[in-house]
Amino acid sequence: MRVERQPAVYMMANRRNGTIYVGVTSDLVRRVAQHRGGEGSGFTARYGCRMLVWFEMWGSMEGAIAREKRLKTGSRRGKLALIEAGNPEWEDLGFGLV
């Protein structure tokens, strides 16, 4: 499934129950490729967050940014619950995007 350019909120991780990065983008496929290449975010490069473990597509960038802010200020437990609900095996969802 190819995801066209559309606002998205996403979480990258370095392993199951490991370090989690929350981000927002208008082009999820491109952004995941950047994270995997060690570009664009010092945090994901430093902690090796290269697995796309969760994402939500949004109709507007404003809505996506608001959701990202809520997730970033939310608890780790809440982030883990979202990942576990949609991706209990912690598979790398990035492979299904291209």
PDB file of N, CA and C in Angstrom:
ATOM      1  N   MET A   1       0.857  -1.185   0.000  1.00  0.00           N
ATOM      2  CA  MET A   1       0.000   0.000   0.000  1.00  0.00           C
ATOM      3  C   MET A   1       0.895   1.237   0.000  1.00  0.00           C
ATOM      4  N   ARG A   2       0.751   2.074  -0.972  1.00  0.00           N
ATOM      5  CA  ARG A   2       1.522   3.327  -1.063  1.00  0.00           C
ATOM      6  C   ARG A   2       0.692   4.432  -0.442  1.00  0.00           C
ATOM      7  N   VAL A   3       1.234   5.082   0.574  1.00  0.00           N
ATOM      8  CA  VAL A   3       0.543   6.190   1.238  1.00  0.00           C
ATOM      9  C   VAL A   3       0.938   7.475   0.520  1.00  0.00           C
ATOM     10  N   GLU A   4      -0.039   8.144  -0.044  1.00  0.00           N
ATOM     11  CA  GLU A   4       0.230   9.399  -0.741  1.00  0.00           C
ATOM     12  C   GLU A   4       0.564  10.489   0.270  1.00  0.00           C
ATOM     13  N   ARG A   5       1.078  11.598  -0.250  1.00  0.00           N
ATOM     14  CA  ARG A   5       1.395  12.723   0.637  1.00  0.00           C
ATOM     15  C   ARG A   5       0.140  13.165   1.358  1.00  0.00           C
ATOM     16  N   GLN A   6       0.201  13.046   2.655  1.00  0.00           N
ATOM     17  CA  GLN A   6      -0.926  13.400   3.509  1.00  0.00           C
ATOM     18  C   GLN A   6      -0.372  13.553   4.924  1.00  0.00           C
ATOM     19  N   PRO A   7      -0.880  14.498   5.698  1.00  0.00           N
ATOM     20  CA  PRO A   7      -0.386  14.651   7.065  1.00  0.00           C
ATOM     21  C   PRO A   7      -0.530  13.353   7.862  1.00  0.00           C
ATOM     22  N   ALA A   8       0.498  13.061   8.646  1.00  0.00           N
ATOM     23  CA  ALA A   8       0.492  11.854   9.466  1.00  0.00           C
ATOM     24  C   ALA A   8       1.243  12.117  10.767  1.00  0.00           C
ATOM     25  N   VAL A   9       0.778  11.462  11.818  1.00  0.00           N
ATOM     26  CA  VAL A   9       1.478  11.421  13.093  1.00  0.00           C
ATOM     27  C   VAL A   9       2.009   9.990  13.191  1.00  0.00           C
ATOM     28  N   TYR A  10       3.236   9.838  13.683  1.00  0.00           N
ATOM     29  CA  TYR A  10       3.841   8.503  13.668  1.00  0.00           C
ATOM     30  C   TYR A  10       4.753   8.301  14.870  1.00  0.00           C
ATOM     31  N   MET A  11       5.045   7.034  15.138  1.00  0.00           N
ATOM     32  CA  MET A  11       6.001   6.684  16.179  1.00  0.00           C
ATOM     33  C   MET A  11       7.037   5.731  15.594  1.00  0.00           C
ATOM     34  N   MET A  12       8.294   6.057  15.867  1.00  0.00           N
ATOM     35  CA  MET A  12       9.416   5.221  15.487  1.00  0.00           C
ATOM     36  C   MET A  12       9.991   4.639  16.779  1.00  0.00           C
ATOM     37  N   ALA A  13      10.566   3.435  16.706  1.00  0.00           N
ATOM     38  CA  ALA A  13      11.182   2.816  17.876  1.00  0.00           C
ATOM     39  C   ALA A  13      12.468   2.117  17.466  1.00  0.00           C
ATOM     40  N   ASN A  14      13.319   1.868  18.452  1.00  0.00           N
ATOM     41  CA  ASN A  14      14.553   1.145  18.157  1.00  0.00           C
ATOM     42  C   ASN A  14      14.397  -0.354  18.385  1.00  0.00           C
ATOM     43  N   ARG A  15      13.414  -0.762  19.173  1.00  0.00           N
ATOM     44  CA  ARG A  15      13.094  -2.169  19.395  1.00  0.00           C
ATOM     45  C   ARG A  15      11.784  -2.231  20.185  1.00  0.00           C
ATOM     46  N   ARG A  16      11.254  -3.408  20.355  1.00  0.00           N
ATOM     47  CA  ARG A  16      10.034  -3.586  21.137  1.00  0.00           C
ATOM     48  C   ARG A  16      10.248  -3.040  22.546  1.00  0.00           C
ATOM     49  N   ASN A  17       9.335  -2.207  23.004  1.00  0.00           N
ATOM     50  CA  ASN A  17       9.383  -1.576  24.327  1.00  0.00           C
ATOM     51  C   ASN A  17      10.642  -0.746  24.550  1.00  0.00           C
ATOM     52  N   GLY A  18      11.273  -0.312  23.465  1.00  0.00           N
ATOM     53  CA  GLY A  18      12.488   0.492  23.574  1.00  0.00           C
ATOM     54  C   GLY A  18      12.187   1.979  23.531  1.00  0.00           C
ATOM     55  N   THR A  19      13.124   2.723  22.997  1.00  0.00           N
ATOM     56  CA  THR A  19      12.986   4.163  22.873  1.00  0.00           C
ATOM     57  C   THR A  19      11.968   4.480  21.786  1.00  0.00           C
ATOM     58  N   ILE A  20      11.087   5.435  22.055  1.00  0.00           N
ATOM     59  CA  ILE A  20      10.023   5.812  21.120  1.00  0.00           C
ATOM     60  C   ILE A  20      10.183   7.276  20.746  1.00  0.00           C
ATOM     61  N   TYR A  21      10.038   7.554  19.451  1.00  0.00           N
ATOM     62  CA  TYR A  21      10.053   8.926  18.929  1.00  0.00           C
ATOM     63  C   TYR A  21       8.692   9.205  18.319  1.00  0.00           C
ATOM     64  N   VAL A  22       8.108  10.339  18.638  1.00  0.00           N
ATOM     65  CA  VAL A  22       6.827  10.765  18.064  1.00  0.00           C
ATOM     66  C   VAL A  22       7.095  11.922  17.116  1.00  0.00           C
ATOM     67  N   GLY A  23       6.537  11.846  15.904  1.00  0.00           N
ATOM     68  CA  GLY A  23       6.737  12.910  14.930  1.00  0.00           C
ATOM     69  C   GLY A  23       5.498  13.165  14.095  1.00  0.00           C
ATOM     70  N   VAL A  24       5.579  14.214  13.281  1.00  0.00           N
ATOM     71  CA  VAL A  24       4.504  14.575  12.357  1.00  0.00           C
ATOM     72  C   VAL A  24       5.147  14.916  11.018  1.00  0.00           C
ATOM     73  N   THR A  25       4.457  14.599   9.937  1.00  0.00           N
ATOM     74  CA  THR A  25       5.007  14.840   8.604  1.00  0.00           C
ATOM     75  C   THR A  25       3.878  14.975   7.589  1.00  0.00           C
ATOM     76  N   SER A  26       4.199  15.553   6.450  1.00  0.00           N
ATOM     77  CA  SER A  26       3.231  15.605   5.354  1.00  0.00           C
ATOM     78  C   SER A  26       3.502  14.497   4.340  1.00  0.00           C
ATOM     79  N   ASP A  27       4.609  13.767   4.508  1.00  0.00           N
ATOM     80  CA  ASP A  27       4.983  12.696   3.574  1.00  0.00           C
ATOM     81  C   ASP A  27       5.625  11.563   4.381  1.00  0.00           C
ATOM     82  N   LEU A  28       4.812  10.631   4.838  1.00  0.00           N
ATOM     83  CA  LEU A  28       5.264   9.580   5.734  1.00  0.00           C
ATOM     84  C   LEU A  28       6.344   8.696   5.107  1.00  0.00           C
ATOM     85  N   VAL A  29       6.176   8.320   3.865  1.00  0.00           N
ATOM     86  CA  VAL A  29       7.150   7.446   3.204  1.00  0.00           C
ATOM     87  C   VAL A  29       8.528   8.107   3.175  1.00  0.00           C
ATOM     88  N   ARG A  30       8.564   9.358   2.770  1.00  0.00           N
ATOM     89  CA  ARG A  30       9.840  10.081   2.706  1.00  0.00           C
ATOM     90  C   ARG A  30      10.450  10.230   4.090  1.00  0.00           C
ATOM     91  N   ARG A  31       9.623  10.561   5.076  1.00  0.00           N
ATOM     92  CA  ARG A  31      10.131  10.796   6.424  1.00  0.00           C
ATOM     93  C   ARG A  31      10.695   9.524   7.050  1.00  0.00           C
ATOM     94  N   VAL A  32      10.018   8.395   6.855  1.00  0.00           N
ATOM     95  CA  VAL A  32      10.524   7.125   7.378  1.00  0.00           C
ATOM     96  C   VAL A  32      11.868   6.800   6.727  1.00  0.00           C
ATOM     97  N   ALA A  33      11.980   7.031   5.427  1.00  0.00           N
ATOM     98  CA  ALA A  33      13.257   6.796   4.737  1.00  0.00           C
ATOM     99  C   ALA A  33      14.353   7.686   5.315  1.00  0.00           C
ATOM    100  N   GLN A  34      14.018   8.927   5.637  1.00  0.00           N
ATOM    101  CA  GLN A  34      15.004   9.820   6.246  1.00  0.00           C
ATOM    102  C   GLN A  34      15.460   9.288   7.603  1.00  0.00           C
ATOM    103  N   HIS A  35      14.520   8.862   8.433  1.00  0.00           N
ATOM    104  CA  HIS A  35      14.887   8.321   9.747  1.00  0.00           C
ATOM    105  C   HIS A  35      15.789   7.100   9.590  1.00  0.00           C
ATOM    106  N   ARG A  36      15.449   6.226   8.663  1.00  0.00           N
ATOM    107  CA  ARG A  36      16.258   5.022   8.452  1.00  0.00           C
ATOM    108  C   ARG A  36      17.661   5.358   7.973  1.00  0.00           C
ATOM    109  N   GLY A  37      17.789   6.457   7.241  1.00  0.00           N
ATOM    110  CA  GLY A  37      19.091   6.890   6.754  1.00  0.00           C
ATOM    111  C   GLY A  37      19.861   7.742   7.742  1.00  0.00           C
ATOM    112  N   GLY A  38      19.293   7.964   8.933  1.00  0.00           N
ATOM    113  CA  GLY A  38      19.966   8.758   9.952  1.00  0.00           C
ATOM    114  C   GLY A  38      19.895  10.246   9.705  1.00  0.00           C
ATOM    115  N   GLU A  39      18.946  10.680   8.864  1.00  0.00           N
ATOM    116  CA  GLU A  39      18.799  12.098   8.531  1.00  0.00           C
ATOM    117  C   GLU A  39      17.600  12.709   9.261  1.00  0.00           C
ATOM    118  N   GLY A  40      17.646  14.014   9.414  1.00  0.00           N
ATOM    119  CA  GLY A  40      16.449  14.751   9.809  1.00  0.00           C
ATOM    120  C   GLY A  40      16.172  14.866  11.286  1.00  0.00           C
ATOM    121  N   SER A  41      16.543  13.895  12.075  1.00  0.00           N
ATOM    122  CA  SER A  41      16.286  13.975  13.511  1.00  0.00           C
ATOM    123  C   SER A  41      17.481  13.425  14.262  1.00  0.00           C
ATOM    124  N   GLY A  42      18.123  14.282  15.032  1.00  0.00           N
ATOM    125  CA  GLY A  42      19.245  13.838  15.837  1.00  0.00           C
ATOM    126  C   GLY A  42      18.832  12.789  16.854  1.00  0.00           C
ATOM    127  N   PHE A  43      17.600  12.906  17.365  1.00  0.00           N
ATOM    128  CA  PHE A  43      17.111  11.966  18.374  1.00  0.00           C
ATOM    129  C   PHE A  43      17.022  10.559  17.797  1.00  0.00           C
ATOM    130  N   THR A  44      16.371  10.420  16.630  1.00  0.00           N
ATOM    131  CA  THR A  44      16.208   9.079  16.065  1.00  0.00           C
ATOM    132  C   THR A  44      17.545   8.495  15.640  1.00  0.00           C
ATOM    133  N   ALA A  45      18.455   9.326  15.157  1.00  0.00           N
ATOM    134  CA  ALA A  45      19.785   8.836  14.784  1.00  0.00           C
ATOM    135  C   ALA A  45      20.554   8.392  16.029  1.00  0.00           C
ATOM    136  N   ARG A  46      20.508   9.195  17.072  1.00  0.00           N
ATOM    137  CA  ARG A  46      21.246   8.893  18.307  1.00  0.00           C
ATOM    138  C   ARG A  46      20.763   7.610  18.961  1.00  0.00           C
ATOM    139  N   TYR A  47      19.433   7.400  18.975  1.00  0.00           N
ATOM    140  CA  TYR A  47      18.873   6.243  19.665  1.00  0.00           C
ATOM    141  C   TYR A  47      18.509   5.085  18.736  1.00  0.00           C
ATOM    142  N   GLY A  48      18.789   5.212  17.461  1.00  0.00           N
ATOM    143  CA  GLY A  48      18.546   4.119  16.520  1.00  0.00           C
ATOM    144  C   GLY A  48      17.084   3.801  16.282  1.00  0.00           C
ATOM    145  N   CYS A  49      16.231   4.801  16.346  1.00  0.00           N
ATOM    146  CA  CYS A  49      14.789   4.598  16.114  1.00  0.00           C
ATOM    147  C   CYS A  49      14.538   4.524  14.609  1.00  0.00           C
ATOM    148  N   ARG A  50      14.535   3.312  14.076  1.00  0.00           N
ATOM    149  CA  ARG A  50      14.389   3.123  12.632  1.00  0.00           C
ATOM    150  C   ARG A  50      13.169   2.290  12.253  1.00  0.00           C
ATOM    151  N   MET A  51      12.417   1.825  13.247  1.00  0.00           N
ATOM    152  CA  MET A  51      11.224   1.023  12.981  1.00  0.00           C
ATOM    153  C   MET A  51       9.977   1.899  13.106  1.00  0.00           C
ATOM    154  N   LEU A  52       9.165   1.933  12.058  1.00  0.00           N
ATOM    155  CA  LEU A  52       7.866   2.606  12.137  1.00  0.00           C
ATOM    156  C   LEU A  52       6.911   1.631  12.821  1.00  0.00           C
ATOM    157  N   VAL A  53       6.463   1.965  14.025  1.00  0.00           N
ATOM    158  CA  VAL A  53       5.637   1.024  14.789  1.00  0.00           C
ATOM    159  C   VAL A  53       4.177   1.464  14.917  1.00  0.00           C
ATOM    160  N   TRP A  54       3.875   2.720  14.554  1.00  0.00           N
ATOM    161  CA  TRP A  54       2.496   3.212  14.654  1.00  0.00           C
ATOM    162  C   TRP A  54       2.373   4.483  13.830  1.00  0.00           C
ATOM    163  N   PHE A  55       1.212   4.673  13.198  1.00  0.00           N
ATOM    164  CA  PHE A  55       0.938   5.947  12.529  1.00  0.00           C
ATOM    165  C   PHE A  55      -0.554   6.158  12.378  1.00  0.00           C
ATOM    166  N   GLU A  56      -0.935   7.427  12.251  1.00  0.00           N
ATOM    167  CA  GLU A  56      -2.315   7.847  11.965  1.00  0.00           C
ATOM    168  C   GLU A  56      -2.261   8.871  10.848  1.00  0.00           C
ATOM    169  N   MET A  57      -3.108   8.719   9.865  1.00  0.00           N
ATOM    170  CA  MET A  57      -3.214   9.697   8.786  1.00  0.00           C
ATOM    171  C   MET A  57      -4.249  10.739   9.200  1.00  0.00           C
ATOM    172  N   TRP A  58      -4.017  11.990   8.801  1.00  0.00           N
ATOM    173  CA  TRP A  58      -4.895  13.099   9.167  1.00  0.00           C
ATOM    174  C   TRP A  58      -5.305  13.877   7.928  1.00  0.00           C
ATOM    175  N   GLY A  59      -6.451  14.530   7.997  1.00  0.00           N
ATOM    176  CA  GLY A  59      -6.949  15.328   6.890  1.00  0.00           C
ATOM    177  C   GLY A  59      -6.324  16.710   6.809  1.00  0.00           C
ATOM    178  N   SER A  60      -5.754  17.164   7.930  1.00  0.00           N
ATOM    179  CA  SER A  60      -5.135  18.487   7.938  1.00  0.00           C
ATOM    180  C   SER A  60      -3.854  18.457   8.763  1.00  0.00           C
ATOM    181  N   MET A  61      -2.917  19.303   8.389  1.00  0.00           N
ATOM    182  CA  MET A  61      -1.668  19.393   9.148  1.00  0.00           C
ATOM    183  C   MET A  61      -1.930  19.957  10.539  1.00  0.00           C
ATOM    184  N   GLU A  62      -2.880  20.870  10.664  1.00  0.00           N
ATOM    185  CA  GLU A  62      -3.197  21.437  11.968  1.00  0.00           C
ATOM    186  C   GLU A  62      -3.649  20.354  12.948  1.00  0.00           C
ATOM    187  N   GLY A  63      -4.530  19.480  12.477  1.00  0.00           N
ATOM    188  CA  GLY A  63      -4.992  18.375  13.319  1.00  0.00           C
ATOM    189  C   GLY A  63      -3.871  17.425  13.683  1.00  0.00           C
ATOM    190  N   ALA A  64      -3.005  17.137  12.719  1.00  0.00           N
ATOM    191  CA  ALA A  64      -1.880  16.235  12.960  1.00  0.00           C
ATOM    192  C   ALA A  64      -0.915  16.829  13.983  1.00  0.00           C
ATOM    193  N   ILE A  65      -0.633  18.109  13.872  1.00  0.00           N
ATOM    194  CA  ILE A  65       0.281  18.766  14.816  1.00  0.00           C
ATOM    195  C   ILE A  65      -0.313  18.755  16.223  1.00  0.00           C
ATOM    196  N   ALA A  66      -1.618  19.009  16.331  1.00  0.00           N
ATOM    197  CA  ALA A  66      -2.270  18.985  17.641  1.00  0.00           C
ATOM    198  C   ALA A  66      -2.190  17.580  18.259  1.00  0.00           C
ATOM    199  N   ARG A  67      -2.395  16.557  17.453  1.00  0.00           N
ATOM    200  CA  ARG A  67      -2.311  15.170  17.935  1.00  0.00           C
ATOM    201  C   ARG A  67      -0.877  14.845  18.368  1.00  0.00           C
ATOM    202  N   GLU A  68       0.097  15.262  17.580  1.00  0.00           N
ATOM    203  CA  GLU A  68       1.503  15.023  17.933  1.00  0.00           C
ATOM    204  C   GLU A  68       1.825  15.658  19.287  1.00  0.00           C
ATOM    205  N   LYS A  69       1.378  16.877  19.499  1.00  0.00           N
ATOM    206  CA  LYS A  69       1.647  17.565  20.770  1.00  0.00           C
ATOM    207  C   LYS A  69       1.021  16.821  21.938  1.00  0.00           C
ATOM    208  N   ARG A  70      -0.225  16.325  21.745  1.00  0.00           N
ATOM    209  CA  ARG A  70      -0.877  15.564  22.820  1.00  0.00           C
ATOM    210  C   ARG A  70      -0.095  14.291  23.127  1.00  0.00           C
ATOM    211  N   LEU A  71       0.376  13.613  22.089  1.00  0.00           N
ATOM    212  CA  LEU A  71       1.138  12.388  22.304  1.00  0.00           C
ATOM    213  C   LEU A  71       2.481  12.663  22.980  1.00  0.00           C
ATOM    214  N   LYS A  72       3.156  13.717  22.540  1.00  0.00           N
ATOM    215  CA  LYS A  72       4.469  14.031  23.113  1.00  0.00           C
ATOM    216  C   LYS A  72       4.372  14.404  24.588  1.00  0.00           C
ATOM    217  N   THR A  73       3.295  15.044  24.982  1.00  0.00           N
ATOM    218  CA  THR A  73       3.144  15.421  26.385  1.00  0.00           C
ATOM    219  C   THR A  73       2.450  14.333  27.202  1.00  0.00           C
ATOM    220  N   GLY A  74       1.970  13.304  26.525  1.00  0.00           N
ATOM    221  CA  GLY A  74       1.299  12.199  27.207  1.00  0.00           C
ATOM    222  C   GLY A  74       2.289  11.224  27.815  1.00  0.00           C
ATOM    223  N   SER A  75       1.760  10.236  28.453  1.00  0.00           N
ATOM    224  CA  SER A  75       2.589   9.256  29.155  1.00  0.00           C
ATOM    225  C   SER A  75       3.168   8.215  28.203  1.00  0.00           C
ATOM    226  N   ARG A  76       4.254   7.619  28.620  1.00  0.00           N
ATOM    227  CA  ARG A  76       4.837   6.511  27.868  1.00  0.00           C
ATOM    228  C   ARG A  76       3.835   5.356  27.812  1.00  0.00           C
ATOM    229  N   ARG A  77       3.138   5.136  28.920  1.00  0.00           N
ATOM    230  CA  ARG A  77       2.131   4.069  28.975  1.00  0.00           C
ATOM    231  C   ARG A  77       1.076   4.257  27.876  1.00  0.00           C
ATOM    232  N   GLY A  78       0.651   5.494  27.645  1.00  0.00           N
ATOM    233  CA  GLY A  78      -0.325   5.767  26.594  1.00  0.00           C
ATOM    234  C   GLY A  78       0.222   5.471  25.206  1.00  0.00           C
ATOM    235  N   LYS A  79       1.482   5.833  24.977  1.00  0.00           N
ATOM    236  CA  LYS A  79       2.116   5.544  23.686  1.00  0.00           C
ATOM    237  C   LYS A  79       2.224   4.038  23.467  1.00  0.00           C
ATOM    238  N   LEU A  80       2.656   3.323  24.497  1.00  0.00           N
ATOM    239  CA  LEU A  80       2.764   1.871  24.396  1.00  0.00           C
ATOM    240  C   LEU A  80       1.404   1.236  24.124  1.00  0.00           C
ATOM    241  N   ALA A  81       0.353   1.758  24.753  1.00  0.00           N
ATOM    242  CA  ALA A  81      -0.991   1.223  24.545  1.00  0.00           C
ATOM    243  C   ALA A  81      -1.439   1.407  23.099  1.00  0.00           C
ATOM    244  N   LEU A  82      -1.144   2.566  22.502  1.00  0.00           N
ATOM    245  CA  LEU A  82      -1.498   2.788  21.096  1.00  0.00           C
ATOM    246  C   LEU A  82      -0.762   1.814  20.186  1.00  0.00           C
ATOM    247  N   ILE A  83       0.528   1.638  20.434  1.00  0.00           N
ATOM    248  CA  ILE A  83       1.306   0.714  19.609  1.00  0.00           C
ATOM    249  C   ILE A  83       0.775  -0.709  19.765  1.00  0.00           C
ATOM    250  N   GLU A  84       0.590  -1.136  20.997  1.00  0.00           N
ATOM    251  CA  GLU A  84       0.129  -2.504  21.255  1.00  0.00           C
ATOM    252  C   GLU A  84      -1.259  -2.776  20.663  1.00  0.00           C
ATOM    253  N   ALA A  85      -2.134  -1.761  20.673  1.00  0.00           N
ATOM    254  CA  ALA A  85      -3.487  -1.945  20.132  1.00  0.00           C
ATOM    255  C   ALA A  85      -3.465  -2.152  18.617  1.00  0.00           C
ATOM    256  N   GLY A  86      -2.617  -1.404  17.921  1.00  0.00           N
ATOM    257  CA  GLY A  86      -2.601  -1.494  16.464  1.00  0.00           C
ATOM    258  C   GLY A  86      -1.512  -2.363  15.881  1.00  0.00           C
ATOM    259  N   ASN A  87      -0.489  -2.656  16.677  1.00  0.00           N
ATOM    260  CA  ASN A  87       0.666  -3.397  16.173  1.00  0.00           C
ATOM    261  C   ASN A  87       1.266  -4.223  17.320  1.00  0.00           C
ATOM    262  N   PRO A  88       0.512  -5.223  17.811  1.00  0.00           N
ATOM    263  CA  PRO A  88       0.950  -5.964  18.996  1.00  0.00           C
ATOM    264  C   PRO A  88       2.279  -6.700  18.835  1.00  0.00           C
ATOM    265  N   GLU A  89       2.663  -7.005  17.616  1.00  0.00           N
ATOM    266  CA  GLU A  89       3.935  -7.701  17.374  1.00  0.00           C
ATOM    267  C   GLU A  89       5.096  -6.730  17.163  1.00  0.00           C
ATOM    268  N   TRP A  90       4.807  -5.440  17.192  1.00  0.00           N
ATOM    269  CA  TRP A  90       5.827  -4.404  16.969  1.00  0.00           C
ATOM    270  C   TRP A  90       6.544  -4.621  15.636  1.00  0.00           C
ATOM    271  N   GLU A  91       5.768  -4.951  14.606  1.00  0.00           N
ATOM    272  CA  GLU A  91       6.352  -5.104  13.275  1.00  0.00           C
ATOM    273  C   GLU A  91       6.726  -3.728  12.731  1.00  0.00           C
ATOM    274  N   ASP A  92       7.696  -3.699  11.841  1.00  0.00           N
ATOM    275  CA  ASP A  92       8.087  -2.449  11.181  1.00  0.00           C
ATOM    276  C   ASP A  92       7.083  -2.182  10.067  1.00  0.00           C
ATOM    277  N   LEU A  93       6.174  -1.247  10.305  1.00  0.00           N
ATOM    278  CA  LEU A  93       5.110  -0.934   9.351  1.00  0.00           C
ATOM    279  C   LEU A  93       5.616  -0.178   8.130  1.00  0.00           C
ATOM    280  N   GLY A  94       6.825   0.305   8.184  1.00  0.00           N
ATOM    281  CA  GLY A  94       7.387   1.060   7.062  1.00  0.00           C
ATOM    282  C   GLY A  94       7.532   0.225   5.804  1.00  0.00           C
ATOM    283  N   PHE A  95       7.724  -1.084   5.969  1.00  0.00           N
ATOM    284  CA  PHE A  95       7.889  -1.931   4.789  1.00  0.00           C
ATOM    285  C   PHE A  95       6.614  -2.025   3.974  1.00  0.00           C
ATOM    286  N   GLY A  96       5.457  -1.832   4.588  1.00  0.00           N
ATOM    287  CA  GLY A  96       4.183  -1.893   3.873  1.00  0.00           C
ATOM    288  C   GLY A  96       3.784  -0.599   3.190  1.00  0.00           C
ATOM    289  N   LEU A  97       4.563   0.454   3.379  1.00  0.00           N
ATOM    290  CA  LEU A  97       4.186   1.762   2.826  1.00  0.00           C
ATOM    291  C   LEU A  97       4.637   1.966   1.389  1.00  0.00           C
ATOM    292  N   VAL A  98       5.718   1.352   1.004  1.00  0.00           N
ATOM    293  CA  VAL A  98       6.278   1.615  -0.335  1.00  0.00           C
ATOM    294  C   VAL A  98       5.795   0.641  -1.363  1.00  0.00           C
TER     295      VAL A  98
END
